[in-house]
Structure formats: C-alpha cells, structure tokens
C-alpha cells in the first residue's frame, strides 16, 4: 500500500552540484507528472541560483557526499547550509528529505513543518510531509495534511490522485473514487491517474470499466506502458 503514495516522495534530491537535480526512476510517471515535476525542478533551480557563493560551495559539498552515498556527511553539510540560510524554505525541505533518508522521521517532519511555515504555498512540501506521516502510520495526520494542501491547491490533480491511492489502500473505495473523479476533471488529463482509477475499478470487479480507463489512458498518452501492461493482463 505504501508504494502507491511514496512514488512521489523524495523526487528532488541533491545530485552532482545542485540541490534541485531531479531523480526519477519510477517508470509509472506519465508525461503529466513529469511536466509537473519539471516545472517545480526548474523553479527550484532558479531559487538555488540566488544562493550566496558561500552557500553554493556548501551545496557542492553536499552533492559530493551524496554522490559517494555518504549520507551522514551530507546531513552535516546540510546543517551548515541551514545555518548560512536559516530562513530558506528549500533548505529546510531538503533537510527534511535527508533526515528521511537517515530514518529519522521526527526530525524529518520537524524540517518539513519549518519549510511549510516559511512557504505555506509550496505544494511539494506538504506532499513530502504526507509521505513521512504515511510511512509512520500516522494516518489521521495524513488526511489533515491533505486538507491543508487542498485548501491552498484545490485544483491540483496530483493531490487528489495521491489521496485516492491511500483511501483505496484502506478500502475506502467510494471516497477514493470521488478523488479520482475529481482529479480527472482537471486539465490536462493524466494517463497515470486514469490508469489508477482503472485499477480501482478492477479491484471492485468492474472489469469493463477498468479496461475502458486503461484504453483511454493510451489515448491520452500512447506510450504509457503501465496502461498497456494492464490491458494485456486484464485481457488474458
């Protein structure tokens, strides 16, 4: 169940020499998701370019540590970066990701909360917080945070899709279907979200509706492999 949501967690990570280098290894992402991630990555890179030189030097050291998978050194350099830029929401957010990487959910959540306090309109900060809460089985807080997110981003399909996946995992299928339907009313259309709704239909035994969603997903994006694989599976 956790796999459903956590595919969106930790998308932006320090790599090479910038805090915003995108790491995308999950082949379930469709063009809609990739475009959303690309836009956020581009905006983050622009903010990083405004760092003072001293911060950029530390940032490079973090990148080098991550390249060597030395996460303990990376978090220590991240603390230094945080001391240089104590009111920078992106640094707080990244520190939260590093603590997550080091299996320290409490400090991770503390950092994400600090990031949100500094920039309450960054949708991805809430998504990262939700991911940690979800993995810690703090489900009441997960849904409270979704409520906060949807107040600032009431037309964000990714939030509805993520919430639907979690609801489906709890067999709260009617609520999950509502969220998928809400997401699919928003433009642009997403092959990934439509495929996820197809999975819910399949789970509910509605094979024809599932197959219809998978086929429609391929109309939205003809090379979306997840939908093609589901059609093959359901047709056998």
C-alpha atoms as a PDB file:
ATOM      1  CA  UNK A   1       0.000   0.000   0.000  1.00  0.00           C
ATOM      2  CA  UNK A   2       2.768   2.460   0.837  1.00  0.00           C
ATOM      3  CA  UNK A   3       4.187   2.107  -2.665  1.00  0.00           C
ATOM      4  CA  UNK A   4       1.089   3.815  -4.063  1.00  0.00           C
ATOM      5  CA  UNK A   5       1.845   7.108  -2.409  1.00  0.00           C
ATOM      6  CA  UNK A   6       5.584   7.120  -1.894  1.00  0.00           C
ATOM      7  CA  UNK A   7       6.330   7.119  -5.627  1.00  0.00           C
ATOM      8  CA  UNK A   8       6.074  10.911  -5.319  1.00  0.00           C
ATOM      9  CA  UNK A   9       8.223  11.327  -2.251  1.00  0.00           C
ATOM     10  CA  UNK A  10      11.856  12.443  -2.479  1.00  0.00           C
ATOM     11  CA  UNK A  11      11.684  13.370  -6.155  1.00  0.00           C
ATOM     12  CA  UNK A  12      14.080  16.282  -5.830  1.00  0.00           C
ATOM     13  CA  UNK A  13      17.410  15.385  -4.334  1.00  0.00           C
ATOM     14  CA  UNK A  14      20.902  16.738  -4.276  1.00  0.00           C
ATOM     15  CA  UNK A  15      22.954  15.183  -7.025  1.00  0.00           C
ATOM     16  CA  UNK A  16      26.019  16.414  -8.908  1.00  0.00           C
ATOM     17  CA  UNK A  17      26.184  20.099  -7.975  1.00  0.00           C
ATOM     18  CA  UNK A  18      22.669  21.429  -7.437  1.00  0.00           C
ATOM     19  CA  UNK A  19      20.105  20.822  -4.744  1.00  0.00           C
ATOM     20  CA  UNK A  20      17.382  20.583  -7.375  1.00  0.00           C
ATOM     21  CA  UNK A  21      18.656  17.782  -9.611  1.00  0.00           C
ATOM     22  CA  UNK A  22      15.728  15.547 -10.449  1.00  0.00           C
ATOM     23  CA  UNK A  23      15.959  11.844  -9.698  1.00  0.00           C
ATOM     24  CA  UNK A  24      13.189   9.959 -11.478  1.00  0.00           C
ATOM     25  CA  UNK A  25      13.476   6.206 -11.632  1.00  0.00           C
ATOM     26  CA  UNK A  26       9.852   5.112 -11.366  1.00  0.00           C
ATOM     27  CA  UNK A  27       8.508   4.180 -14.802  1.00  0.00           C
ATOM     28  CA  UNK A  28       4.912   4.727 -13.683  1.00  0.00           C
ATOM     29  CA  UNK A  29       5.271   8.501 -14.104  1.00  0.00           C
ATOM     30  CA  UNK A  30       3.394   9.773 -17.151  1.00  0.00           C
ATOM     31  CA  UNK A  31       4.006  12.957 -19.133  1.00  0.00           C
ATOM     32  CA  UNK A  32       1.611  14.931 -16.916  1.00  0.00           C
ATOM     33  CA  UNK A  33       3.544  14.019 -13.755  1.00  0.00           C
ATOM     34  CA  UNK A  34       6.902  14.564 -15.407  1.00  0.00           C
ATOM     35  CA  UNK A  35       5.846  18.031 -16.564  1.00  0.00           C
ATOM     36  CA  UNK A  36       4.678  18.962 -13.055  1.00  0.00           C
ATOM     37  CA  UNK A  37       7.960  17.736 -11.609  1.00  0.00           C
ATOM     38  CA  UNK A  38       9.953  19.513 -14.292  1.00  0.00           C
ATOM     39  CA  UNK A  39       8.224  22.814 -13.580  1.00  0.00           C
ATOM     40  CA  UNK A  40       8.959  22.561  -9.874  1.00  0.00           C
ATOM     41  CA  UNK A  41      12.532  21.498 -10.576  1.00  0.00           C
ATOM     42  CA  UNK A  42      13.073  24.470 -12.877  1.00  0.00           C
ATOM     43  CA  UNK A  43      11.643  26.887 -10.310  1.00  0.00           C
ATOM     44  CA  UNK A  44      13.833  25.365  -7.609  1.00  0.00           C
ATOM     45  CA  UNK A  45      16.963  25.686  -9.748  1.00  0.00           C
ATOM     46  CA  UNK A  46      16.235  29.378 -10.224  1.00  0.00           C
ATOM     47  CA  UNK A  47      15.943  29.850  -6.481  1.00  0.00           C
ATOM     48  CA  UNK A  48      19.207  27.979  -5.942  1.00  0.00           C
ATOM     49  CA  UNK A  49      20.948  30.337  -8.354  1.00  0.00           C
ATOM     50  CA  UNK A  50      20.186  33.142  -5.914  1.00  0.00           C
ATOM     51  CA  UNK A  51      22.147  31.459  -3.120  1.00  0.00           C
ATOM     52  CA  UNK A  52      25.188  33.417  -1.926  1.00  0.00           C
ATOM     53  CA  UNK A  53      28.520  31.989  -3.014  1.00  0.00           C
ATOM     54  CA  UNK A  54      29.274  30.580   0.438  1.00  0.00           C
ATOM     55  CA  UNK A  55      26.045  28.564   0.319  1.00  0.00           C
ATOM     56  CA  UNK A  56      26.772  27.320  -3.193  1.00  0.00           C
ATOM     57  CA  UNK A  57      30.145  25.965  -2.017  1.00  0.00           C
ATOM     58  CA  UNK A  58      28.488  24.034   0.808  1.00  0.00           C
ATOM     59  CA  UNK A  59      25.841  22.830  -1.597  1.00  0.00           C
ATOM     60  CA  UNK A  60      28.571  21.350  -3.792  1.00  0.00           C
ATOM     61  CA  UNK A  61      29.982  19.506  -0.776  1.00  0.00           C
ATOM     62  CA  UNK A  62      26.542  18.044  -0.069  1.00  0.00           C
ATOM     63  CA  UNK A  63      26.333  16.909  -3.678  1.00  0.00           C
ATOM     64  CA  UNK A  64      29.724  15.239  -3.435  1.00  0.00           C
ATOM     65  CA  UNK A  65      28.696  13.443  -0.237  1.00  0.00           C
ATOM     66  CA  UNK A  66      25.525  12.169  -1.857  1.00  0.00           C
ATOM     67  CA  UNK A  67      27.414  11.010  -4.911  1.00  0.00           C
ATOM     68  CA  UNK A  68      29.544   8.885  -2.574  1.00  0.00           C
ATOM     69  CA  UNK A  69      26.426   7.784  -0.634  1.00  0.00           C
ATOM     70  CA  UNK A  70      27.908   9.335   2.487  1.00  0.00           C
ATOM     71  CA  UNK A  71      24.602  10.467   3.928  1.00  0.00           C
ATOM     72  CA  UNK A  72      25.937  11.304   7.355  1.00  0.00           C
ATOM     73  CA  UNK A  73      28.366  13.817   5.870  1.00  0.00           C
ATOM     74  CA  UNK A  74      25.569  15.109   3.658  1.00  0.00           C
ATOM     75  CA  UNK A  75      23.332  15.903   6.625  1.00  0.00           C
ATOM     76  CA  UNK A  76      26.195  17.614   8.452  1.00  0.00           C
ATOM     77  CA  UNK A  77      26.846  19.849   5.435  1.00  0.00           C
ATOM     78  CA  UNK A  78      23.105  20.431   5.162  1.00  0.00           C
ATOM     79  CA  UNK A  79      23.089  21.721   8.732  1.00  0.00           C
ATOM     80  CA  UNK A  80      25.857  24.129   7.779  1.00  0.00           C
ATOM     81  CA  UNK A  81      23.848  25.246   4.764  1.00  0.00           C
ATOM     82  CA  UNK A  82      20.860  25.755   7.048  1.00  0.00           C
ATOM     83  CA  UNK A  83      22.965  27.930   9.360  1.00  0.00           C
ATOM     84  CA  UNK A  84      24.005  30.066   6.386  1.00  0.00           C
ATOM     85  CA  UNK A  85      20.414  30.344   5.130  1.00  0.00           C
ATOM     86  CA  UNK A  86      18.311  29.917   8.297  1.00  0.00           C
ATOM     87  CA  UNK A  87      15.111  31.224   6.718  1.00  0.00           C
ATOM     88  CA  UNK A  88      15.252  29.362   3.424  1.00  0.00           C
ATOM     89  CA  UNK A  89      12.299  27.023   2.924  1.00  0.00           C
ATOM     90  CA  UNK A  90      14.038  24.947   0.243  1.00  0.00           C
ATOM     91  CA  UNK A  91      16.931  24.185   2.582  1.00  0.00           C
ATOM     92  CA  UNK A  92      14.501  23.195   5.349  1.00  0.00           C
ATOM     93  CA  UNK A  93      12.667  20.954   2.889  1.00  0.00           C
ATOM     94  CA  UNK A  94      15.888  19.344   1.741  1.00  0.00           C
ATOM     95  CA  UNK A  95      16.983  18.822   5.336  1.00  0.00           C
ATOM     96  CA  UNK A  96      13.690  17.002   5.881  1.00  0.00           C
ATOM     97  CA  UNK A  97      14.495  14.701   2.988  1.00  0.00           C
ATOM     98  CA  UNK A  98      17.948  13.997   4.356  1.00  0.00           C
ATOM     99  CA  UNK A  99      16.540  13.089   7.763  1.00  0.00           C
ATOM    100  CA  UNK A 100      14.044  10.836   5.986  1.00  0.00           C
ATOM    101  CA  UNK A 101      16.954   9.188   4.190  1.00  0.00           C
ATOM    102  CA  UNK A 102      18.636   8.659   7.564  1.00  0.00           C
ATOM    103  CA  UNK A 103      15.489   7.058   9.030  1.00  0.00           C
ATOM    104  CA  UNK A 104      14.756   9.906  11.419  1.00  0.00           C
ATOM    105  CA  UNK A 105      11.061  10.660  10.780  1.00  0.00           C
ATOM    106  CA  UNK A 106      10.616  13.051  13.712  1.00  0.00           C
ATOM    107  CA  UNK A 107      13.393  15.386  12.586  1.00  0.00           C
ATOM    108  CA  UNK A 108      12.217  14.947   9.021  1.00  0.00           C
ATOM    109  CA  UNK A 109       8.705  16.099   9.947  1.00  0.00           C
ATOM    110  CA  UNK A 110      10.104  18.948  12.008  1.00  0.00           C
ATOM    111  CA  UNK A 111      12.058  20.172   8.986  1.00  0.00           C
ATOM    112  CA  UNK A 112       9.081  19.862   6.636  1.00  0.00           C
ATOM    113  CA  UNK A 113       6.950  21.813   9.106  1.00  0.00           C
ATOM    114  CA  UNK A 114       9.613  24.518   9.210  1.00  0.00           C
ATOM    115  CA  UNK A 115       9.625  24.625   5.408  1.00  0.00           C
ATOM    116  CA  UNK A 116       5.834  24.985   5.321  1.00  0.00           C
ATOM    117  CA  UNK A 117       5.950  27.724   7.949  1.00  0.00           C
ATOM    118  CA  UNK A 118       8.331  29.665   5.709  1.00  0.00           C
ATOM    119  CA  UNK A 119       6.433  28.972   2.481  1.00  0.00           C
ATOM    120  CA  UNK A 120       2.879  27.767   3.055  1.00  0.00           C
ATOM    121  CA  UNK A 121       2.109  27.770  -0.680  1.00  0.00           C
ATOM    122  CA  UNK A 122       4.657  25.190  -1.836  1.00  0.00           C
ATOM    123  CA  UNK A 123       2.561  22.119  -2.663  1.00  0.00           C
ATOM    124  CA  UNK A 124       5.506  19.712  -2.667  1.00  0.00           C
ATOM    125  CA  UNK A 125       6.406  20.491   0.948  1.00  0.00           C
ATOM    126  CA  UNK A 126       3.019  19.134   2.007  1.00  0.00           C
ATOM    127  CA  UNK A 127       3.461  16.086  -0.211  1.00  0.00           C
ATOM    128  CA  UNK A 128       6.794  15.295   1.426  1.00  0.00           C
ATOM    129  CA  UNK A 129       5.293  15.704   4.890  1.00  0.00           C
ATOM    130  CA  UNK A 130       2.389  13.430   3.968  1.00  0.00           C
ATOM    131  CA  UNK A 131       4.803  10.788   2.741  1.00  0.00           C
ATOM    132  CA  UNK A 132       6.654  10.635   6.053  1.00  0.00           C
ATOM    133  CA  UNK A 133       3.422  10.640   8.060  1.00  0.00           C
ATOM    134  CA  UNK A 134       2.045   7.873   5.877  1.00  0.00           C
ATOM    135  CA  UNK A 135       5.101   5.691   6.261  1.00  0.00           C
ATOM    136  CA  UNK A 136       4.900   6.219  10.040  1.00  0.00           C
ATOM    137  CA  UNK A 137       1.252   5.036  10.014  1.00  0.00           C
ATOM    138  CA  UNK A 138       0.080   8.412  11.302  1.00  0.00           C
ATOM    139  CA  UNK A 139      -2.975   8.300   9.105  1.00  0.00           C
ATOM    140  CA  UNK A 140      -5.148  10.870  10.861  1.00  0.00           C
ATOM    141  CA  UNK A 141      -2.374  13.428  10.364  1.00  0.00           C
ATOM    142  CA  UNK A 142      -2.017  12.305   6.740  1.00  0.00           C
ATOM    143  CA  UNK A 143      -5.591  13.304   5.971  1.00  0.00           C
ATOM    144  CA  UNK A 144      -5.370  16.517   7.990  1.00  0.00           C
ATOM    145  CA  UNK A 145      -2.327  17.495   5.931  1.00  0.00           C
ATOM    146  CA  UNK A 146      -4.166  16.633   2.720  1.00  0.00           C
ATOM    147  CA  UNK A 147      -6.891  19.035   3.866  1.00  0.00           C
ATOM    148  CA  UNK A 148      -4.279  21.763   4.356  1.00  0.00           C
ATOM    149  CA  UNK A 149      -2.797  21.037   0.939  1.00  0.00           C
ATOM    150  CA  UNK A 150      -6.124  21.093  -0.864  1.00  0.00           C
ATOM    151  CA  UNK A 151      -7.001  24.407   0.761  1.00  0.00           C
ATOM    152  CA  UNK A 152      -4.006  26.029  -0.924  1.00  0.00           C
ATOM    153  CA  UNK A 153      -4.208  23.906  -4.098  1.00  0.00           C
ATOM    154  CA  UNK A 154      -7.899  22.996  -4.616  1.00  0.00           C
ATOM    155  CA  UNK A 155      -7.369  22.141  -8.279  1.00  0.00           C
ATOM    156  CA  UNK A 156      -4.190  20.075  -8.047  1.00  0.00           C
ATOM    157  CA  UNK A 157      -4.813  16.675  -9.598  1.00  0.00           C
ATOM    158  CA  UNK A 158      -1.698  15.117  -8.072  1.00  0.00           C
ATOM    159  CA  UNK A 159      -3.005  15.743  -4.549  1.00  0.00           C
ATOM    160  CA  UNK A 160      -6.353  14.117  -5.334  1.00  0.00           C
ATOM    161  CA  UNK A 161      -4.618  11.185  -7.021  1.00  0.00           C
ATOM    162  CA  UNK A 162      -2.328  10.601  -4.044  1.00  0.00           C
ATOM    163  CA  UNK A 163      -5.200  10.869  -1.578  1.00  0.00           C
ATOM    164  CA  UNK A 164      -7.253   8.438  -3.679  1.00  0.00           C
ATOM    165  CA  UNK A 165      -4.437   5.884  -3.682  1.00  0.00           C
ATOM    166  CA  UNK A 166      -4.228   5.959   0.101  1.00  0.00           C
ATOM    167  CA  UNK A 167      -8.010   5.772   0.527  1.00  0.00           C
ATOM    168  CA  UNK A 168      -8.131   2.796  -1.825  1.00  0.00           C
ATOM    169  CA  UNK A 169      -5.470   1.069   0.246  1.00  0.00           C
ATOM    170  CA  UNK A 170      -7.797   1.360   3.245  1.00  0.00           C
ATOM    171  CA  UNK A 171     -10.716   0.053   1.160  1.00  0.00           C
ATOM    172  CA  UNK A 172     -12.422   3.422   1.456  1.00  0.00           C
ATOM    173  CA  UNK A 173     -13.328   2.884  -2.157  1.00  0.00           C
ATOM    174  CA  UNK A 174     -16.207   5.356  -2.514  1.00  0.00           C
ATOM    175  CA  UNK A 175     -14.048   8.189  -1.220  1.00  0.00           C
ATOM    176  CA  UNK A 176     -11.160   7.051  -3.409  1.00  0.00           C
ATOM    177  CA  UNK A 177     -13.373   7.046  -6.496  1.00  0.00           C
ATOM    178  CA  UNK A 178     -14.565  10.557  -5.649  1.00  0.00           C
ATOM    179  CA  UNK A 179     -10.948  11.764  -5.507  1.00  0.00           C
ATOM    180  CA  UNK A 180     -10.003  10.052  -8.786  1.00  0.00           C
ATOM    181  CA  UNK A 181     -13.065  11.561 -10.465  1.00  0.00           C
ATOM    182  CA  UNK A 182     -12.168  14.969  -9.064  1.00  0.00           C
ATOM    183  CA  UNK A 183      -8.604  14.651 -10.369  1.00  0.00           C
ATOM    184  CA  UNK A 184      -9.785  13.588 -13.816  1.00  0.00           C
ATOM    185  CA  UNK A 185     -11.983  16.666 -14.194  1.00  0.00           C
ATOM    186  CA  UNK A 186      -8.870  18.814 -14.029  1.00  0.00           C
ATOM    187  CA  UNK A 187      -6.840  19.681 -17.127  1.00  0.00           C
ATOM    188  CA  UNK A 188      -4.532  18.482 -18.501  1.00  0.00           C
ATOM    189  CA  UNK A 189      -5.656  14.868 -18.407  1.00  0.00           C
ATOM    190  CA  UNK A 190      -3.302  12.304 -16.910  1.00  0.00           C
ATOM    191  CA  UNK A 191      -2.811   8.793 -18.230  1.00  0.00           C
ATOM    192  CA  UNK A 192      -1.353   7.817 -14.875  1.00  0.00           C
ATOM    193  CA  UNK A 193      -4.366   8.979 -12.873  1.00  0.00           C
ATOM    194  CA  UNK A 194      -6.774   7.348 -15.310  1.00  0.00           C
ATOM    195  CA  UNK A 195      -4.831   4.086 -15.028  1.00  0.00           C
ATOM    196  CA  UNK A 196      -5.017   4.333 -11.247  1.00  0.00           C
ATOM    197  CA  UNK A 197      -8.789   4.731 -11.435  1.00  0.00           C
ATOM    198  CA  UNK A 198      -8.858   1.719 -13.728  1.00  0.00           C
ATOM    199  CA  UNK A 199      -7.024  -0.227 -11.030  1.00  0.00           C
ATOM    200  CA  UNK A 200      -9.738   0.710  -8.547  1.00  0.00           C
ATOM    201  CA  UNK A 201     -12.463  -0.394 -10.963  1.00  0.00           C
ATOM    202  CA  UNK A 202     -10.586  -3.678 -11.431  1.00  0.00           C
ATOM    203  CA  UNK A 203     -10.326  -4.109  -7.659  1.00  0.00           C
ATOM    204  CA  UNK A 204     -14.100  -3.606  -7.419  1.00  0.00           C
ATOM    205  CA  UNK A 205     -14.692  -6.287 -10.046  1.00  0.00           C
ATOM    206  CA  UNK A 206     -15.761  -3.835 -12.756  1.00  0.00           C
ATOM    207  CA  UNK A 207     -13.530  -5.238 -15.466  1.00  0.00           C
ATOM    208  CA  UNK A 208     -15.097  -3.422 -18.415  1.00  0.00           C
ATOM    209  CA  UNK A 209     -14.805  -0.016 -16.740  1.00  0.00           C
ATOM    210  CA  UNK A 210     -11.202  -0.794 -15.831  1.00  0.00           C
ATOM    211  CA  UNK A 211     -10.421  -1.788 -19.394  1.00  0.00           C
ATOM    212  CA  UNK A 212     -12.087   1.379 -20.670  1.00  0.00           C
ATOM    213  CA  UNK A 213      -9.917   3.535 -18.403  1.00  0.00           C
ATOM    214  CA  UNK A 214      -6.736   1.750 -19.479  1.00  0.00           C
ATOM    215  CA  UNK A 215      -7.609   2.237 -23.155  1.00  0.00           C
ATOM    216  CA  UNK A 216      -8.495   5.882 -22.614  1.00  0.00           C
ATOM    217  CA  UNK A 217      -5.169   6.363 -20.830  1.00  0.00           C
ATOM    218  CA  UNK A 218      -3.407   5.279 -24.012  1.00  0.00           C
ATOM    219  CA  UNK A 219      -5.409   7.864 -25.942  1.00  0.00           C
ATOM    220  CA  UNK A 220      -4.095  10.488 -23.556  1.00  0.00           C
ATOM    221  CA  UNK A 221      -0.546   9.128 -23.897  1.00  0.00           C
ATOM    222  CA  UNK A 222       0.054   6.397 -26.457  1.00  0.00           C
ATOM    223  CA  UNK A 223       3.396   5.255 -24.991  1.00  0.00           C
ATOM    224  CA  UNK A 224       2.233   4.940 -21.373  1.00  0.00           C
ATOM    225  CA  UNK A 225       3.440   1.437 -20.633  1.00  0.00           C
ATOM    226  CA  UNK A 226       1.609   0.917 -17.358  1.00  0.00           C
ATOM    227  CA  UNK A 227      -1.776   1.174 -19.086  1.00  0.00           C
ATOM    228  CA  UNK A 228      -0.656  -1.077 -21.931  1.00  0.00           C
ATOM    229  CA  UNK A 229       0.518  -3.723 -19.473  1.00  0.00           C
ATOM    230  CA  UNK A 230      -2.769  -3.567 -17.574  1.00  0.00           C
ATOM    231  CA  UNK A 231      -4.737  -4.083 -20.788  1.00  0.00           C
ATOM    232  CA  UNK A 232      -2.651  -7.143 -21.551  1.00  0.00           C
ATOM    233  CA  UNK A 233      -3.119  -8.508 -18.035  1.00  0.00           C
ATOM    234  CA  UNK A 234      -6.861  -7.929 -17.903  1.00  0.00           C
ATOM    235  CA  UNK A 235      -7.443  -9.344 -21.371  1.00  0.00           C
ATOM    236  CA  UNK A 236      -5.784 -12.692 -20.629  1.00  0.00           C
END
